[in-house]
All heavy atoms as atom14 arrays in JSON, in Angstrom:
{
  "sequence": "FQWHGETFSIPPGAQHLFGNTHCTNQMFALGPHLGMQCHVEMTP",
  "atom14_mask": [
    [1, 1, 1, 1, 1, 1, 1, 1, 1, 1, 1, 0, 0, 0],
    [1, 1, 1, 1, 1, 1, 1, 1, 1, 0, 0, 0, 0, 0],
    [1, 1, 1, 1, 1, 1, 1, 1, 1, 1, 1, 1, 1, 1],
    [1, 1, 1, 1, 1, 1, 1, 1, 1, 1, 0, 0, 0, 0],
    [1, 1, 1, 1, 0, 0, 0, 0, 0, 0, 0, 0, 0, 0],
    [1, 1, 1, 1, 1, 1, 1, 1, 1, 0, 0, 0, 0, 0],
    [1, 1, 1, 1, 1, 1, 1, 0, 0, 0, 0, 0, 0, 0],
    [1, 1, 1, 1, 1, 1, 1, 1, 1, 1, 1, 0, 0, 0],
    [1, 1, 1, 1, 1, 1, 0, 0, 0, 0, 0, 0, 0, 0],
    [1, 1, 1, 1, 1, 1, 1, 1, 0, 0, 0, 0, 0, 0],
    [1, 1, 1, 1, 1, 1, 1, 0, 0, 0, 0, 0, 0, 0],
    [1, 1, 1, 1, 1, 1, 1, 0, 0, 0, 0, 0, 0, 0],
    [1, 1, 1, 1, 0, 0, 0, 0, 0, 0, 0, 0, 0, 0],
    [1, 1, 1, 1, 1, 0, 0, 0, 0, 0, 0, 0, 0, 0],
    [1, 1, 1, 1, 1, 1, 1, 1, 1, 0, 0, 0, 0, 0],
    [1, 1, 1, 1, 1, 1, 1, 1, 1, 1, 0, 0, 0, 0],
    [1, 1, 1, 1, 1, 1, 1, 1, 0, 0, 0, 0, 0, 0],
    [1, 1, 1, 1, 1, 1, 1, 1, 1, 1, 1, 0, 0, 0],
    [1, 1, 1, 1, 0, 0, 0, 0, 0, 0, 0, 0, 0, 0],
    [1, 1, 1, 1, 1, 1, 1, 1, 0, 0, 0, 0, 0, 0],
    [1, 1, 1, 1, 1, 1, 1, 0, 0, 0, 0, 0, 0, 0],
    [1, 1, 1, 1, 1, 1, 1, 1, 1, 1, 0, 0, 0, 0],
    [1, 1, 1, 1, 1, 1, 0, 0, 0, 0, 0, 0, 0, 0],
    [1, 1, 1, 1, 1, 1, 1, 0, 0, 0, 0, 0, 0, 0],
    [1, 1, 1, 1, 1, 1, 1, 1, 0, 0, 0, 0, 0, 0],
    [1, 1, 1, 1, 1, 1, 1, 1, 1, 0, 0, 0, 0, 0],
    [1, 1, 1, 1, 1, 1, 1, 1, 0, 0, 0, 0, 0, 0],
    [1, 1, 1, 1, 1, 1, 1, 1, 1, 1, 1, 0, 0, 0],
    [1, 1, 1, 1, 1, 0, 0, 0, 0, 0, 0, 0, 0, 0],
    [1, 1, 1, 1, 1, 1, 1, 1, 0, 0, 0, 0, 0, 0],
    [1, 1, 1, 1, 0, 0, 0, 0, 0, 0, 0, 0, 0, 0],
    [1, 1, 1, 1, 1, 1, 1, 0, 0, 0, 0, 0, 0, 0],
    [1, 1, 1, 1, 1, 1, 1, 1, 1, 1, 0, 0, 0, 0],
    [1, 1, 1, 1, 1, 1, 1, 1, 0, 0, 0, 0, 0, 0],
    [1, 1, 1, 1, 0, 0, 0, 0, 0, 0, 0, 0, 0, 0],
    [1, 1, 1, 1, 1, 1, 1, 1, 0, 0, 0, 0, 0, 0],
    [1, 1, 1, 1, 1, 1, 1, 1, 1, 0, 0, 0, 0, 0],
    [1, 1, 1, 1, 1, 1, 0, 0, 0, 0, 0, 0, 0, 0],
    [1, 1, 1, 1, 1, 1, 1, 1, 1, 1, 0, 0, 0, 0],
    [1, 1, 1, 1, 1, 1, 1, 0, 0, 0, 0, 0, 0, 0],
    [1, 1, 1, 1, 1, 1, 1, 1, 1, 0, 0, 0, 0, 0],
    [1, 1, 1, 1, 1, 1, 1, 1, 0, 0, 0, 0, 0, 0],
    [1, 1, 1, 1, 1, 1, 1, 0, 0, 0, 0, 0, 0, 0],
    [1, 1, 1, 1, 1, 1, 1, 0, 0, 0, 0, 0, 0, 0]
  ],
  "atom14_positions": [
    [[97.33, 75.74, 144.14], [98.62, 75.42, 144.75], [99.68, 75.46, 143.66], [99.42, 75.05, 142.53], [98.57, 74.04, 145.41], [99.74, 73.76, 146.32], [99.74, 74.23, 147.63], [100.83, 73.03, 145.89], [100.81, 74.0, 148.47], [101.91, 72.78, 146.72], [101.9, 73.26, 148.02], [0.0, 0.0, 0.0], [0.0, 0.0, 0.0], [0.0, 0.0, 0.0]],
    [[100.87, 75.93, 144.02], [101.92, 76.14, 143.02], [103.24, 75.49, 143.47], [103.54, 75.43, 144.66], [102.19, 77.64, 142.83], [100.97, 78.49, 142.57], [100.55, 78.47, 141.11], [101.09, 77.73, 140.29], [99.59, 79.3, 140.76], [0.0, 0.0, 0.0], [0.0, 0.0, 0.0], [0.0, 0.0, 0.0], [0.0, 0.0, 0.0], [0.0, 0.0, 0.0]],
    [[104.0, 75.04, 142.47], [105.41, 74.7, 142.72], [106.1, 74.64, 141.36], [106.23, 73.59, 140.75], [105.56, 73.37, 143.46], [106.84, 73.32, 144.28], [108.11, 73.49, 143.81], [106.95, 73.14, 145.69], [109.01, 73.42, 144.83], [108.33, 73.21, 146.02], [106.03, 72.93, 146.72], [108.8, 73.05, 147.32], [106.5, 72.78, 148.01], [107.87, 72.84, 148.31]],
    [[106.52, 75.8, 140.86], [107.12, 75.82, 139.52], [108.04, 77.02, 139.37], [107.9, 78.03, 140.06], [106.03, 75.86, 138.44], [105.29, 77.17, 138.36], [105.58, 78.13, 137.42], [104.28, 77.68, 139.11], [104.78, 79.16, 137.59], [103.98, 78.92, 138.61], [0.0, 0.0, 0.0], [0.0, 0.0, 0.0], [0.0, 0.0, 0.0], [0.0, 0.0, 0.0]],
    [[108.96, 76.89, 138.41], [109.86, 77.98, 138.07], [109.81, 78.35, 136.61], [110.47, 79.3, 136.18], [0.0, 0.0, 0.0], [0.0, 0.0, 0.0], [0.0, 0.0, 0.0], [0.0, 0.0, 0.0], [0.0, 0.0, 0.0], [0.0, 0.0, 0.0], [0.0, 0.0, 0.0], [0.0, 0.0, 0.0], [0.0, 0.0, 0.0], [0.0, 0.0, 0.0]],
    [[109.04, 77.59, 135.82], [108.88, 77.87, 134.4], [107.42, 78.16, 134.09], [106.54, 77.96, 134.93], [109.39, 76.68, 133.56], [110.9, 76.48, 133.67], [111.44, 75.45, 132.69], [110.8, 74.37, 132.56], [112.48, 75.7, 132.08], [0.0, 0.0, 0.0], [0.0, 0.0, 0.0], [0.0, 0.0, 0.0], [0.0, 0.0, 0.0], [0.0, 0.0, 0.0]],
    [[107.18, 78.61, 132.88], [105.82, 78.96, 132.47], [105.63, 78.62, 131.0], [106.59, 78.61, 130.23], [105.55, 80.46, 132.7], [104.2, 80.76, 132.32], [106.5, 81.33, 131.89], [0.0, 0.0, 0.0], [0.0, 0.0, 0.0], [0.0, 0.0, 0.0], [0.0, 0.0, 0.0], [0.0, 0.0, 0.0], [0.0, 0.0, 0.0], [0.0, 0.0, 0.0]],
    [[104.38, 78.36, 130.61], [104.1, 78.06, 129.2], [103.43, 79.25, 128.53], [102.82, 80.11, 129.18], [103.21, 76.82, 129.06], [101.92, 76.83, 129.86], [100.91, 77.76, 129.61], [101.69, 75.88, 130.85], [99.73, 77.76, 130.32], [100.51, 75.87, 131.57], [99.53, 76.82, 131.3], [0.0, 0.0, 0.0], [0.0, 0.0, 0.0], [0.0, 0.0, 0.0]],
    [[103.56, 79.29, 127.21], [102.77, 80.23, 126.42], [101.46, 79.53, 126.04], [101.36, 78.3, 126.05], [103.52, 80.66, 125.16], [103.66, 79.58, 124.26], [0.0, 0.0, 0.0], [0.0, 0.0, 0.0], [0.0, 0.0, 0.0], [0.0, 0.0, 0.0], [0.0, 0.0, 0.0], [0.0, 0.0, 0.0], [0.0, 0.0, 0.0], [0.0, 0.0, 0.0]],
    [[100.45, 80.33, 125.73], [99.16, 79.77, 125.3], [99.33, 79.28, 123.86], [99.67, 80.07, 122.97], [98.04, 80.82, 125.38], [97.96, 81.42, 126.8], [96.71, 80.19, 124.98], [97.68, 80.43, 127.89], [0.0, 0.0, 0.0], [0.0, 0.0, 0.0], [0.0, 0.0, 0.0], [0.0, 0.0, 0.0], [0.0, 0.0, 0.0], [0.0, 0.0, 0.0]],
    [[99.12, 78.0, 123.58], [99.35, 77.5, 122.22], [98.33, 78.05, 121.24], [97.24, 78.49, 121.63], [99.21, 75.98, 122.39], [98.39, 75.78, 123.62], [98.72, 76.93, 124.52], [0.0, 0.0, 0.0], [0.0, 0.0, 0.0], [0.0, 0.0, 0.0], [0.0, 0.0, 0.0], [0.0, 0.0, 0.0], [0.0, 0.0, 0.0], [0.0, 0.0, 0.0]],
    [[98.68, 78.05, 119.95], [97.78, 78.59, 118.93], [96.39, 77.95, 118.99], [96.26, 76.72, 119.1], [98.49, 78.24, 117.62], [99.94, 78.16, 118.0], [99.95, 77.59, 119.38], [0.0, 0.0, 0.0], [0.0, 0.0, 0.0], [0.0, 0.0, 0.0], [0.0, 0.0, 0.0], [0.0, 0.0, 0.0], [0.0, 0.0, 0.0], [0.0, 0.0, 0.0]],
    [[95.36, 78.78, 118.94], [93.98, 78.29, 118.93], [93.38, 78.09, 120.3], [92.16, 77.94, 120.43], [0.0, 0.0, 0.0], [0.0, 0.0, 0.0], [0.0, 0.0, 0.0], [0.0, 0.0, 0.0], [0.0, 0.0, 0.0], [0.0, 0.0, 0.0], [0.0, 0.0, 0.0], [0.0, 0.0, 0.0], [0.0, 0.0, 0.0], [0.0, 0.0, 0.0]],
    [[94.21, 78.08, 121.35], [93.71, 77.89, 122.71], [93.31, 79.23, 123.32], [93.7, 80.29, 122.84], [94.75, 77.21, 123.58], [0.0, 0.0, 0.0], [0.0, 0.0, 0.0], [0.0, 0.0, 0.0], [0.0, 0.0, 0.0], [0.0, 0.0, 0.0], [0.0, 0.0, 0.0], [0.0, 0.0, 0.0], [0.0, 0.0, 0.0], [0.0, 0.0, 0.0]],
    [[92.54, 79.17, 124.41], [92.1, 80.39, 125.08], [92.61, 80.43, 126.52], [92.58, 79.43, 127.24], [90.57, 80.49, 125.07], [90.01, 80.83, 123.7], [88.53, 81.18, 123.77], [87.67, 80.32, 123.63], [88.25, 82.46, 123.99], [0.0, 0.0, 0.0], [0.0, 0.0, 0.0], [0.0, 0.0, 0.0], [0.0, 0.0, 0.0], [0.0, 0.0, 0.0]],
    [[93.07, 81.59, 126.91], [93.55, 81.84, 128.27], [92.37, 81.83, 129.24], [91.35, 82.46, 129.0], [94.25, 83.19, 128.3], [94.82, 83.57, 129.62], [94.09, 84.25, 130.58], [96.05, 83.37, 130.15], [94.85, 84.46, 131.64], [96.04, 83.94, 131.4], [0.0, 0.0, 0.0], [0.0, 0.0, 0.0], [0.0, 0.0, 0.0], [0.0, 0.0, 0.0]],
    [[92.51, 81.1, 130.36], [91.44, 81.01, 131.34], [91.78, 81.65, 132.68], [90.9, 82.24, 133.33], [91.07, 79.54, 131.61], [90.49, 78.73, 130.46], [90.14, 77.33, 130.95], [89.27, 79.41, 129.87], [0.0, 0.0, 0.0], [0.0, 0.0, 0.0], [0.0, 0.0, 0.0], [0.0, 0.0, 0.0], [0.0, 0.0, 0.0], [0.0, 0.0, 0.0]],
    [[93.02, 81.5, 133.14], [93.39, 81.87, 134.5], [94.79, 82.49, 134.49], [95.67, 82.05, 133.74], [93.44, 80.61, 135.37], [92.44, 80.55, 136.49], [91.53, 81.57, 136.73], [92.44, 79.46, 137.36], [90.62, 81.5, 137.77], [91.53, 79.38, 138.4], [90.62, 80.4, 138.61], [0.0, 0.0, 0.0], [0.0, 0.0, 0.0], [0.0, 0.0, 0.0]],
    [[95.02, 83.48, 135.34], [96.35, 84.05, 135.49], [96.45, 84.82, 136.79], [95.45, 85.04, 137.47], [0.0, 0.0, 0.0], [0.0, 0.0, 0.0], [0.0, 0.0, 0.0], [0.0, 0.0, 0.0], [0.0, 0.0, 0.0], [0.0, 0.0, 0.0], [0.0, 0.0, 0.0], [0.0, 0.0, 0.0], [0.0, 0.0, 0.0], [0.0, 0.0, 0.0]],
    [[97.68, 85.22, 137.15], [97.86, 86.08, 138.32], [99.09, 86.96, 138.12], [99.73, 86.92, 137.07], [97.93, 85.27, 139.62], [99.14, 84.35, 139.7], [100.14, 84.54, 139.0], [99.07, 83.35, 140.55], [0.0, 0.0, 0.0], [0.0, 0.0, 0.0], [0.0, 0.0, 0.0], [0.0, 0.0, 0.0], [0.0, 0.0, 0.0], [0.0, 0.0, 0.0]],
    [[99.42, 87.78, 139.11], [100.5, 88.74, 138.94], [101.87, 88.08, 138.86], [102.81, 88.66, 138.31], [100.51, 89.75, 140.1], [100.6, 89.03, 141.35], [99.23, 90.58, 140.11], [0.0, 0.0, 0.0], [0.0, 0.0, 0.0], [0.0, 0.0, 0.0], [0.0, 0.0, 0.0], [0.0, 0.0, 0.0], [0.0, 0.0, 0.0], [0.0, 0.0, 0.0]],
    [[102.0, 86.88, 139.41], [103.3, 86.2, 139.42], [103.52, 85.35, 138.16], [104.67, 85.07, 137.8], [103.42, 85.3, 140.65], [103.24, 86.03, 141.95], [104.02, 87.1, 142.3], [102.36, 85.84, 142.97], [103.64, 87.54, 143.49], [102.64, 86.8, 143.9], [0.0, 0.0, 0.0], [0.0, 0.0, 0.0], [0.0, 0.0, 0.0], [0.0, 0.0, 0.0]],
    [[102.45, 84.91, 137.54], [102.54, 84.06, 136.35], [101.28, 84.28, 135.52], [100.19, 83.88, 135.91], [102.68, 82.59, 136.76], [102.8, 81.44, 135.38], [0.0, 0.0, 0.0], [0.0, 0.0, 0.0], [0.0, 0.0, 0.0], [0.0, 0.0, 0.0], [0.0, 0.0, 0.0], [0.0, 0.0, 0.0], [0.0, 0.0, 0.0], [0.0, 0.0, 0.0]],
    [[101.45, 84.92, 134.38], [100.3, 85.34, 133.57], [99.47, 84.15, 133.09], [98.23, 84.2, 133.1], [100.78, 86.15, 132.36], [101.5, 87.29, 132.82], [99.62, 86.61, 131.5], [0.0, 0.0, 0.0], [0.0, 0.0, 0.0], [0.0, 0.0, 0.0], [0.0, 0.0, 0.0], [0.0, 0.0, 0.0], [0.0, 0.0, 0.0], [0.0, 0.0, 0.0]],
    [[100.13, 83.09, 132.66], [99.42, 81.96, 132.06], [99.31, 80.8, 133.05], [100.23, 79.98, 133.17], [100.14, 81.51, 130.78], [100.13, 82.59, 129.72], [99.22, 83.4, 129.65], [101.16, 82.61, 128.89], [0.0, 0.0, 0.0], [0.0, 0.0, 0.0], [0.0, 0.0, 0.0], [0.0, 0.0, 0.0], [0.0, 0.0, 0.0], [0.0, 0.0, 0.0]],
    [[98.19, 80.74, 133.73], [97.96, 79.66, 134.7], [97.09, 78.53, 134.13], [97.13, 77.43, 134.65], [97.26, 80.22, 135.94], [98.1, 81.18, 136.77], [99.15, 80.48, 137.6], [99.18, 79.25, 137.71], [100.03, 81.25, 138.21], [0.0, 0.0, 0.0], [0.0, 0.0, 0.0], [0.0, 0.0, 0.0], [0.0, 0.0, 0.0], [0.0, 0.0, 0.0]],
    [[96.37, 78.82, 133.05], [95.45, 77.8, 132.55], [94.98, 78.17, 131.14], [94.76, 79.34, 130.86], [94.25, 77.69, 133.5], [93.37, 76.48, 133.34], [92.03, 76.47, 134.6], [92.97, 76.41, 136.14], [0.0, 0.0, 0.0], [0.0, 0.0, 0.0], [0.0, 0.0, 0.0], [0.0, 0.0, 0.0], [0.0, 0.0, 0.0], [0.0, 0.0, 0.0]],
    [[94.83, 77.16, 130.28], [94.26, 77.38, 128.96], [93.37, 76.21, 128.57], [93.51, 75.1, 129.09], [95.35, 77.59, 127.9], [96.19, 76.38, 127.59], [95.77, 75.4, 126.7], [97.43, 76.21, 128.2], [96.56, 74.29, 126.41], [98.22, 75.11, 127.92], [97.78, 74.14, 127.03], [0.0, 0.0, 0.0], [0.0, 0.0, 0.0], [0.0, 0.0, 0.0]],
    [[92.45, 76.49, 127.66], [91.56, 75.45, 127.13], [91.62, 75.47, 125.62], [91.72, 76.53, 125.0], [90.13, 75.67, 127.61], [0.0, 0.0, 0.0], [0.0, 0.0, 0.0], [0.0, 0.0, 0.0], [0.0, 0.0, 0.0], [0.0, 0.0, 0.0], [0.0, 0.0, 0.0], [0.0, 0.0, 0.0], [0.0, 0.0, 0.0], [0.0, 0.0, 0.0]],
    [[91.55, 74.29, 125.05], [91.47, 74.12, 123.59], [90.43, 73.04, 123.34], [90.73, 71.84, 123.47], [92.83, 73.73, 123.01], [92.88, 73.47, 121.51], [92.58, 74.76, 120.73], [94.24, 72.9, 121.1], [0.0, 0.0, 0.0], [0.0, 0.0, 0.0], [0.0, 0.0, 0.0], [0.0, 0.0, 0.0], [0.0, 0.0, 0.0], [0.0, 0.0, 0.0]],
    [[89.21, 73.43, 123.03], [88.14, 72.44, 122.91], [87.95, 71.7, 124.22], [87.78, 72.32, 125.28], [0.0, 0.0, 0.0], [0.0, 0.0, 0.0], [0.0, 0.0, 0.0], [0.0, 0.0, 0.0], [0.0, 0.0, 0.0], [0.0, 0.0, 0.0], [0.0, 0.0, 0.0], [0.0, 0.0, 0.0], [0.0, 0.0, 0.0], [0.0, 0.0, 0.0]],
    [[88.04, 70.35, 124.21], [87.86, 69.57, 125.44], [89.14, 69.39, 126.25], [89.17, 68.63, 127.21], [87.37, 68.22, 124.92], [88.09, 68.06, 123.62], [88.16, 69.47, 123.03], [0.0, 0.0, 0.0], [0.0, 0.0, 0.0], [0.0, 0.0, 0.0], [0.0, 0.0, 0.0], [0.0, 0.0, 0.0], [0.0, 0.0, 0.0], [0.0, 0.0, 0.0]],
    [[90.2, 70.09, 125.88], [91.52, 69.89, 126.49], [91.84, 71.05, 127.44], [91.58, 72.21, 127.12], [92.58, 69.79, 125.4], [92.17, 68.93, 124.24], [92.01, 67.56, 124.35], [91.84, 69.26, 122.96], [91.63, 67.07, 123.18], [91.52, 68.07, 122.33], [0.0, 0.0, 0.0], [0.0, 0.0, 0.0], [0.0, 0.0, 0.0], [0.0, 0.0, 0.0]],
    [[92.45, 70.72, 128.57], [92.72, 71.71, 129.61], [94.16, 71.6, 130.08], [94.59, 70.56, 130.57], [91.78, 71.5, 130.8], [91.93, 72.5, 131.96], [91.45, 73.88, 131.54], [91.15, 72.01, 133.18], [0.0, 0.0, 0.0], [0.0, 0.0, 0.0], [0.0, 0.0, 0.0], [0.0, 0.0, 0.0], [0.0, 0.0, 0.0], [0.0, 0.0, 0.0]],
    [[94.92, 72.69, 129.93], [96.3, 72.74, 130.4], [96.42, 73.7, 131.57], [95.94, 74.84, 131.49], [0.0, 0.0, 0.0], [0.0, 0.0, 0.0], [0.0, 0.0, 0.0], [0.0, 0.0, 0.0], [0.0, 0.0, 0.0], [0.0, 0.0, 0.0], [0.0, 0.0, 0.0], [0.0, 0.0, 0.0], [0.0, 0.0, 0.0], [0.0, 0.0, 0.0]],
    [[97.05, 73.26, 132.66], [97.17, 74.07, 133.86], [98.64, 74.2, 134.27], [99.38, 73.22, 134.25], [96.4, 73.43, 135.02], [94.9, 73.38, 134.81], [94.03, 72.55, 136.17], [94.39, 70.82, 135.76], [0.0, 0.0, 0.0], [0.0, 0.0, 0.0], [0.0, 0.0, 0.0], [0.0, 0.0, 0.0], [0.0, 0.0, 0.0], [0.0, 0.0, 0.0]],
    [[99.05, 75.41, 134.67], [100.34, 75.6, 135.29], [100.26, 75.28, 136.78], [101.22, 74.81, 137.38], [100.81, 77.04, 135.09], [102.18, 77.33, 135.68], [103.24, 76.42, 135.11], [103.62, 76.56, 133.95], [103.71, 75.46, 135.89], [0.0, 0.0, 0.0], [0.0, 0.0, 0.0], [0.0, 0.0, 0.0], [0.0, 0.0, 0.0], [0.0, 0.0, 0.0]],
    [[99.12, 75.54, 137.35], [98.9, 75.33, 138.78], [98.52, 73.88, 139.08], [98.22, 73.09, 138.18], [97.81, 76.27, 139.29], [96.31, 76.26, 138.29], [0.0, 0.0, 0.0], [0.0, 0.0, 0.0], [0.0, 0.0, 0.0], [0.0, 0.0, 0.0], [0.0, 0.0, 0.0], [0.0, 0.0, 0.0], [0.0, 0.0, 0.0], [0.0, 0.0, 0.0]],
    [[98.53, 73.56, 140.35], [98.12, 72.25, 140.83], [96.77, 72.38, 141.54], [96.66, 73.1, 142.52], [99.14, 71.7, 141.84], [100.47, 71.36, 141.26], [100.74, 70.14, 140.68], [101.62, 72.07, 141.18], [101.99, 70.11, 140.26], [102.55, 71.27, 140.56], [0.0, 0.0, 0.0], [0.0, 0.0, 0.0], [0.0, 0.0, 0.0], [0.0, 0.0, 0.0]],
    [[95.76, 71.66, 141.05], [94.47, 71.61, 141.75], [94.19, 70.21, 142.27], [93.13, 69.96, 142.84], [93.32, 72.09, 140.84], [93.53, 73.53, 140.39], [93.15, 71.17, 139.63], [0.0, 0.0, 0.0], [0.0, 0.0, 0.0], [0.0, 0.0, 0.0], [0.0, 0.0, 0.0], [0.0, 0.0, 0.0], [0.0, 0.0, 0.0], [0.0, 0.0, 0.0]],
    [[95.15, 69.31, 142.09], [94.96, 67.89, 142.45], [95.52, 67.55, 143.82], [95.47, 66.39, 144.25], [95.65, 67.01, 141.4], [97.15, 66.83, 141.54], [98.0, 68.0, 141.06], [97.44, 69.09, 140.8], [99.22, 67.82, 140.94], [0.0, 0.0, 0.0], [0.0, 0.0, 0.0], [0.0, 0.0, 0.0], [0.0, 0.0, 0.0], [0.0, 0.0, 0.0]],
    [[96.02, 68.55, 144.53], [96.78, 68.29, 145.76], [95.92, 67.67, 146.87], [94.74, 67.97, 147.01], [97.39, 69.6, 146.27], [98.32, 70.28, 145.29], [99.66, 69.24, 144.69], [100.62, 69.03, 146.2], [0.0, 0.0, 0.0], [0.0, 0.0, 0.0], [0.0, 0.0, 0.0], [0.0, 0.0, 0.0], [0.0, 0.0, 0.0], [0.0, 0.0, 0.0]],
    [[96.58, 66.81, 147.65], [96.01, 66.25, 148.86], [96.92, 66.66, 150.02], [98.07, 67.05, 149.81], [95.94, 64.72, 148.8], [97.3, 64.2, 148.72], [95.15, 64.25, 147.57], [0.0, 0.0, 0.0], [0.0, 0.0, 0.0], [0.0, 0.0, 0.0], [0.0, 0.0, 0.0], [0.0, 0.0, 0.0], [0.0, 0.0, 0.0], [0.0, 0.0, 0.0]],
    [[96.44, 66.57, 151.27], [97.31, 66.9, 152.4], [98.59, 66.08, 152.4], [99.67, 66.6, 152.74], [96.43, 66.6, 153.61], [95.04, 66.79, 153.13], [95.05, 66.29, 151.71], [0.0, 0.0, 0.0], [0.0, 0.0, 0.0], [0.0, 0.0, 0.0], [0.0, 0.0, 0.0], [0.0, 0.0, 0.0], [0.0, 0.0, 0.0], [0.0, 0.0, 0.0]]
  ]
}
């Protein structure tokens, strides 16, 4: 699920995990840390 108008770059040392045609950087991991552009926590 999405609701955003900005995007992040993948920080140094992190790895790209997820992307799509509308926003290249949807998710990155750095060791045990996880950064997401998208929302996976949504409830009805």
